[in-house]
C-alpha atoms as a PDB file:
ATOM      1  CA  UNK A   1       0.000   0.000   0.000  1.00  0.00           C
ATOM      2  CA  UNK A   2       1.143   3.520  -0.812  1.00  0.00           C
ATOM      3  CA  UNK A   3      -0.019   6.708   0.916  1.00  0.00           C
ATOM      4  CA  UNK A   4       0.253  10.040  -0.896  1.00  0.00           C
ATOM      5  CA  UNK A   5      -0.415  13.161   1.167  1.00  0.00           C
ATOM      6  CA  UNK A   6      -0.218  16.867   0.482  1.00  0.00           C
ATOM      7  CA  UNK A   7      -2.212  20.063   0.418  1.00  0.00           C
ATOM      8  CA  UNK A   8      -4.889  20.966  -2.101  1.00  0.00           C
ATOM      9  CA  UNK A   9      -3.715  21.147  -5.731  1.00  0.00           C
ATOM     10  CA  UNK A  10      -0.130  20.107  -4.957  1.00  0.00           C
ATOM     11  CA  UNK A  11       0.176  17.472  -7.696  1.00  0.00           C
ATOM     12  CA  UNK A  12      -0.830  14.333  -5.798  1.00  0.00           C
ATOM     13  CA  UNK A  13      -3.025  12.939  -8.570  1.00  0.00           C
ATOM     14  CA  UNK A  14      -0.537  13.659 -11.362  1.00  0.00           C
ATOM     15  CA  UNK A  15       2.228  12.001  -9.337  1.00  0.00           C
ATOM     16  CA  UNK A  16       0.011   8.989  -8.703  1.00  0.00           C
ATOM     17  CA  UNK A  17      -0.865   8.634 -12.392  1.00  0.00           C
ATOM     18  CA  UNK A  18       2.772   8.831 -13.476  1.00  0.00           C
ATOM     19  CA  UNK A  19       4.247   6.583 -10.764  1.00  0.00           C
ATOM     20  CA  UNK A  20       1.410   4.098 -10.242  1.00  0.00           C
ATOM     21  CA  UNK A  21      -0.562   3.975 -13.524  1.00  0.00           C
ATOM     22  CA  UNK A  22      -2.101   0.554 -12.862  1.00  0.00           C
ATOM     23  CA  UNK A  23      -2.886   1.080  -9.190  1.00  0.00           C
ATOM     24  CA  UNK A  24      -6.233   0.937  -7.504  1.00  0.00           C
ATOM     25  CA  UNK A  25      -6.606   4.497  -6.195  1.00  0.00           C
ATOM     26  CA  UNK A  26      -8.658   5.641  -3.213  1.00  0.00           C
ATOM     27  CA  UNK A  27      -9.016   9.433  -3.358  1.00  0.00           C
ATOM     28  CA  UNK A  28     -10.097  12.007  -0.772  1.00  0.00           C
ATOM     29  CA  UNK A  29     -10.297   9.582   2.147  1.00  0.00           C
ATOM     30  CA  UNK A  30     -10.557  12.605   4.452  1.00  0.00           C
ATOM     31  CA  UNK A  31     -14.099  13.167   3.133  1.00  0.00           C
ATOM     32  CA  UNK A  32     -15.040   9.615   4.102  1.00  0.00           C
ATOM     33  CA  UNK A  33     -13.854  10.508   7.620  1.00  0.00           C
ATOM     34  CA  UNK A  34     -16.202  13.523   7.674  1.00  0.00           C
ATOM     35  CA  UNK A  35     -19.121  11.248   6.684  1.00  0.00           C
ATOM     36  CA  UNK A  36     -18.250   8.689   9.369  1.00  0.00           C
ATOM     37  CA  UNK A  37     -18.142  11.405  12.038  1.00  0.00           C
ATOM     38  CA  UNK A  38     -21.561  12.602  10.877  1.00  0.00           C
ATOM     39  CA  UNK A  39     -22.887   9.047  11.245  1.00  0.00           C
ATOM     40  CA  UNK A  40     -21.482   8.791  14.770  1.00  0.00           C
ATOM     41  CA  UNK A  41     -18.817   6.256  13.801  1.00  0.00           C
ATOM     42  CA  UNK A  42     -15.223   6.211  14.996  1.00  0.00           C
ATOM     43  CA  UNK A  43     -13.129   7.002  11.895  1.00  0.00           C
ATOM     44  CA  UNK A  44      -9.932   5.433  13.242  1.00  0.00           C
ATOM     45  CA  UNK A  45     -11.585   2.104  14.066  1.00  0.00           C
ATOM     46  CA  UNK A  46     -13.472   2.219  10.746  1.00  0.00           C
ATOM     47  CA  UNK A  47     -10.176   2.771   8.900  1.00  0.00           C
ATOM     48  CA  UNK A  48      -8.566  -0.125  10.787  1.00  0.00           C
ATOM     49  CA  UNK A  49     -11.460  -2.412   9.824  1.00  0.00           C
ATOM     50  CA  UNK A  50     -11.272  -1.267   6.215  1.00  0.00           C
ATOM     51  CA  UNK A  51      -7.512  -1.881   6.048  1.00  0.00           C
ATOM     52  CA  UNK A  52      -7.950  -5.340   7.544  1.00  0.00           C
ATOM     53  CA  UNK A  53     -10.676  -6.129   5.016  1.00  0.00           C
ATOM     54  CA  UNK A  54      -8.724  -5.009   1.965  1.00  0.00           C
ATOM     55  CA  UNK A  55      -5.569  -6.792   3.045  1.00  0.00           C
ATOM     56  CA  UNK A  56      -7.522  -9.989   3.682  1.00  0.00           C
ATOM     57  CA  UNK A  57      -9.593 -10.135   0.506  1.00  0.00           C
ATOM     58  CA  UNK A  58      -8.842 -12.933  -1.892  1.00  0.00           C
ATOM     59  CA  UNK A  59     -10.522 -13.856  -5.121  1.00  0.00           C
ATOM     60  CA  UNK A  60     -11.869 -17.386  -4.887  1.00  0.00           C
ATOM     61  CA  UNK A  61     -13.759 -18.829  -7.871  1.00  0.00           C
ATOM     62  CA  UNK A  62     -14.356 -15.367  -9.276  1.00  0.00           C
ATOM     63  CA  UNK A  63     -15.870 -13.946  -6.100  1.00  0.00           C
ATOM     64  CA  UNK A  64     -14.256 -11.769  -3.472  1.00  0.00           C
ATOM     65  CA  UNK A  65     -14.211 -13.538  -0.144  1.00  0.00           C
ATOM     66  CA  UNK A  66     -12.858 -12.092   3.061  1.00  0.00           C
ATOM     67  CA  UNK A  67     -10.567 -14.485   4.877  1.00  0.00           C
ATOM     68  CA  UNK A  68      -8.278 -14.259   7.854  1.00  0.00           C
ATOM     69  CA  UNK A  69      -4.714 -14.503   6.642  1.00  0.00           C
ATOM     70  CA  UNK A  70      -1.496 -15.246   8.427  1.00  0.00           C
ATOM     71  CA  UNK A  71       1.477 -13.033   7.565  1.00  0.00           C
ATOM     72  CA  UNK A  72       2.779 -15.723   5.168  1.00  0.00           C
ATOM     73  CA  UNK A  73      -0.495 -16.015   3.308  1.00  0.00           C
ATOM     74  CA  UNK A  74      -0.903 -12.221   3.234  1.00  0.00           C
ATOM     75  CA  UNK A  75       2.525 -11.971   1.597  1.00  0.00           C
ATOM     76  CA  UNK A  76       1.544 -14.678  -0.927  1.00  0.00           C
ATOM     77  CA  UNK A  77      -1.673 -12.769  -1.627  1.00  0.00           C
ATOM     78  CA  UNK A  78       0.307  -9.601  -2.352  1.00  0.00           C
ATOM     79  CA  UNK A  79       2.577 -11.528  -4.725  1.00  0.00           C
ATOM     80  CA  UNK A  80      -0.444 -12.937  -6.589  1.00  0.00           C
ATOM     81  CA  UNK A  81      -2.203  -9.552  -6.766  1.00  0.00           C
ATOM     82  CA  UNK A  82       0.388  -7.107  -8.047  1.00  0.00           C
ATOM     83  CA  UNK A  83      -2.057  -4.215  -8.402  1.00  0.00           C
ATOM     84  CA  UNK A  84      -0.865  -1.584  -5.949  1.00  0.00           C
ATOM     85  CA  UNK A  85      -3.309   0.168  -3.637  1.00  0.00           C
ATOM     86  CA  UNK A  86      -2.722   3.929  -3.412  1.00  0.00           C
ATOM     87  CA  UNK A  87      -4.532   6.147  -0.925  1.00  0.00           C
ATOM     88  CA  UNK A  88      -4.471   9.882  -1.650  1.00  0.00           C
ATOM     89  CA  UNK A  89      -5.313  12.229   1.219  1.00  0.00           C
ATOM     90  CA  UNK A  90      -5.311  15.985   1.533  1.00  0.00           C
ATOM     91  CA  UNK A  91      -3.426  17.266   4.528  1.00  0.00           C
ATOM     92  CA  UNK A  92      -5.812  19.104   6.789  1.00  0.00           C
ATOM     93  CA  UNK A  93      -5.114  21.490   9.599  1.00  0.00           C
ATOM     94  CA  UNK A  94      -1.450  22.428   9.345  1.00  0.00           C
ATOM     95  CA  UNK A  95      -1.652  23.887  12.830  1.00  0.00           C
ATOM     96  CA  UNK A  96      -4.846  25.866  12.259  1.00  0.00           C
ATOM     97  CA  UNK A  97      -7.354  25.166  15.037  1.00  0.00           C
ATOM     98  CA  UNK A  98     -10.888  25.978  13.872  1.00  0.00           C
ATOM     99  CA  UNK A  99     -13.393  27.500  16.268  1.00  0.00           C
ATOM    100  CA  UNK A 100     -16.093  25.056  15.150  1.00  0.00           C
ATOM    101  CA  UNK A 101     -16.093  21.871  17.277  1.00  0.00           C
ATOM    102  CA  UNK A 102     -17.075  19.592  14.369  1.00  0.00           C
ATOM    103  CA  UNK A 103     -14.245  20.957  12.221  1.00  0.00           C
ATOM    104  CA  UNK A 104     -11.746  20.377  15.048  1.00  0.00           C
ATOM    105  CA  UNK A 105     -12.969  16.792  15.497  1.00  0.00           C
ATOM    106  CA  UNK A 106     -12.733  16.162  11.755  1.00  0.00           C
ATOM    107  CA  UNK A 107      -9.169  17.484  11.552  1.00  0.00           C
ATOM    108  CA  UNK A 108      -8.124  15.396  14.537  1.00  0.00           C
ATOM    109  CA  UNK A 109      -9.723  12.256  13.099  1.00  0.00           C
ATOM    110  CA  UNK A 110      -8.180  12.872   9.660  1.00  0.00           C
ATOM    111  CA  UNK A 111      -4.773  13.303  11.273  1.00  0.00           C
ATOM    112  CA  UNK A 112      -5.113  10.108  13.292  1.00  0.00           C
ATOM    113  CA  UNK A 113      -6.283   8.103  10.268  1.00  0.00           C
ATOM    114  CA  UNK A 114      -3.416   9.418   8.133  1.00  0.00           C
ATOM    115  CA  UNK A 115      -1.022   8.302  10.919  1.00  0.00           C
ATOM    116  CA  UNK A 116      -2.599   4.838  10.808  1.00  0.00           C
ATOM    117  CA  UNK A 117      -2.298   4.694   7.020  1.00  0.00           C
ATOM    118  CA  UNK A 118       1.316   5.870   7.146  1.00  0.00           C
ATOM    119  CA  UNK A 119       2.151   3.191   9.692  1.00  0.00           C
ATOM    120  CA  UNK A 120       0.576   0.421   7.583  1.00  0.00           C
ATOM    121  CA  UNK A 121       1.828   1.710   4.213  1.00  0.00           C
ATOM    122  CA  UNK A 122       4.882   0.297   2.480  1.00  0.00           C
ATOM    123  CA  UNK A 123       5.668   3.752   1.083  1.00  0.00           C
ATOM    124  CA  UNK A 124       4.560   7.271   1.982  1.00  0.00           C
ATOM    125  CA  UNK A 125       5.004  10.344  -0.226  1.00  0.00           C
ATOM    126  CA  UNK A 126       4.299  13.990   0.527  1.00  0.00           C
ATOM    127  CA  UNK A 127       3.859  16.408  -2.341  1.00  0.00           C
ATOM    128  CA  UNK A 128       4.517  20.129  -2.258  1.00  0.00           C
ATOM    129  CA  UNK A 129       4.344  22.240  -5.430  1.00  0.00           C
ATOM    130  CA  UNK A 130       4.389  19.073  -7.517  1.00  0.00           C
ATOM    131  CA  UNK A 131       7.614  17.834  -5.939  1.00  0.00           C
ATOM    132  CA  UNK A 132       7.352  14.428  -4.279  1.00  0.00           C
ATOM    133  CA  UNK A 133       9.268  13.698  -1.114  1.00  0.00           C
ATOM    134  CA  UNK A 134       9.454  10.080  -0.022  1.00  0.00           C
ATOM    135  CA  UNK A 135       8.941   9.905   3.733  1.00  0.00           C
ATOM    136  CA  UNK A 136       8.929   6.134   4.092  1.00  0.00           C
END
């Protein structure tokens, strides 16, 4: 899994298209976090569940079936499914603390989820003015 982060209009999508043209791309995950907060869900636990589901999905007889995988079988799965997963997220906050409580909660949740994604990702890139910087 690859995580690409950066501010608005900093070249994240162009970088993704040029570096990972065949990847499965999840864009604007921070908006999913806003929706989960509105539904009363915990975005960090929802993201953990989602990551566990996507890393444990195998295609069996043409259907996607969720299975519990050991580390060895997860590695075999990754070898058999070379399509890279790329998550693109806008950085939110940058030290600005909004007065609105919901906006503060959203920024905190987005930050915590991006930390989770960065921890689980094989590679993490940050883009600024179209220039990628590999962080991990």
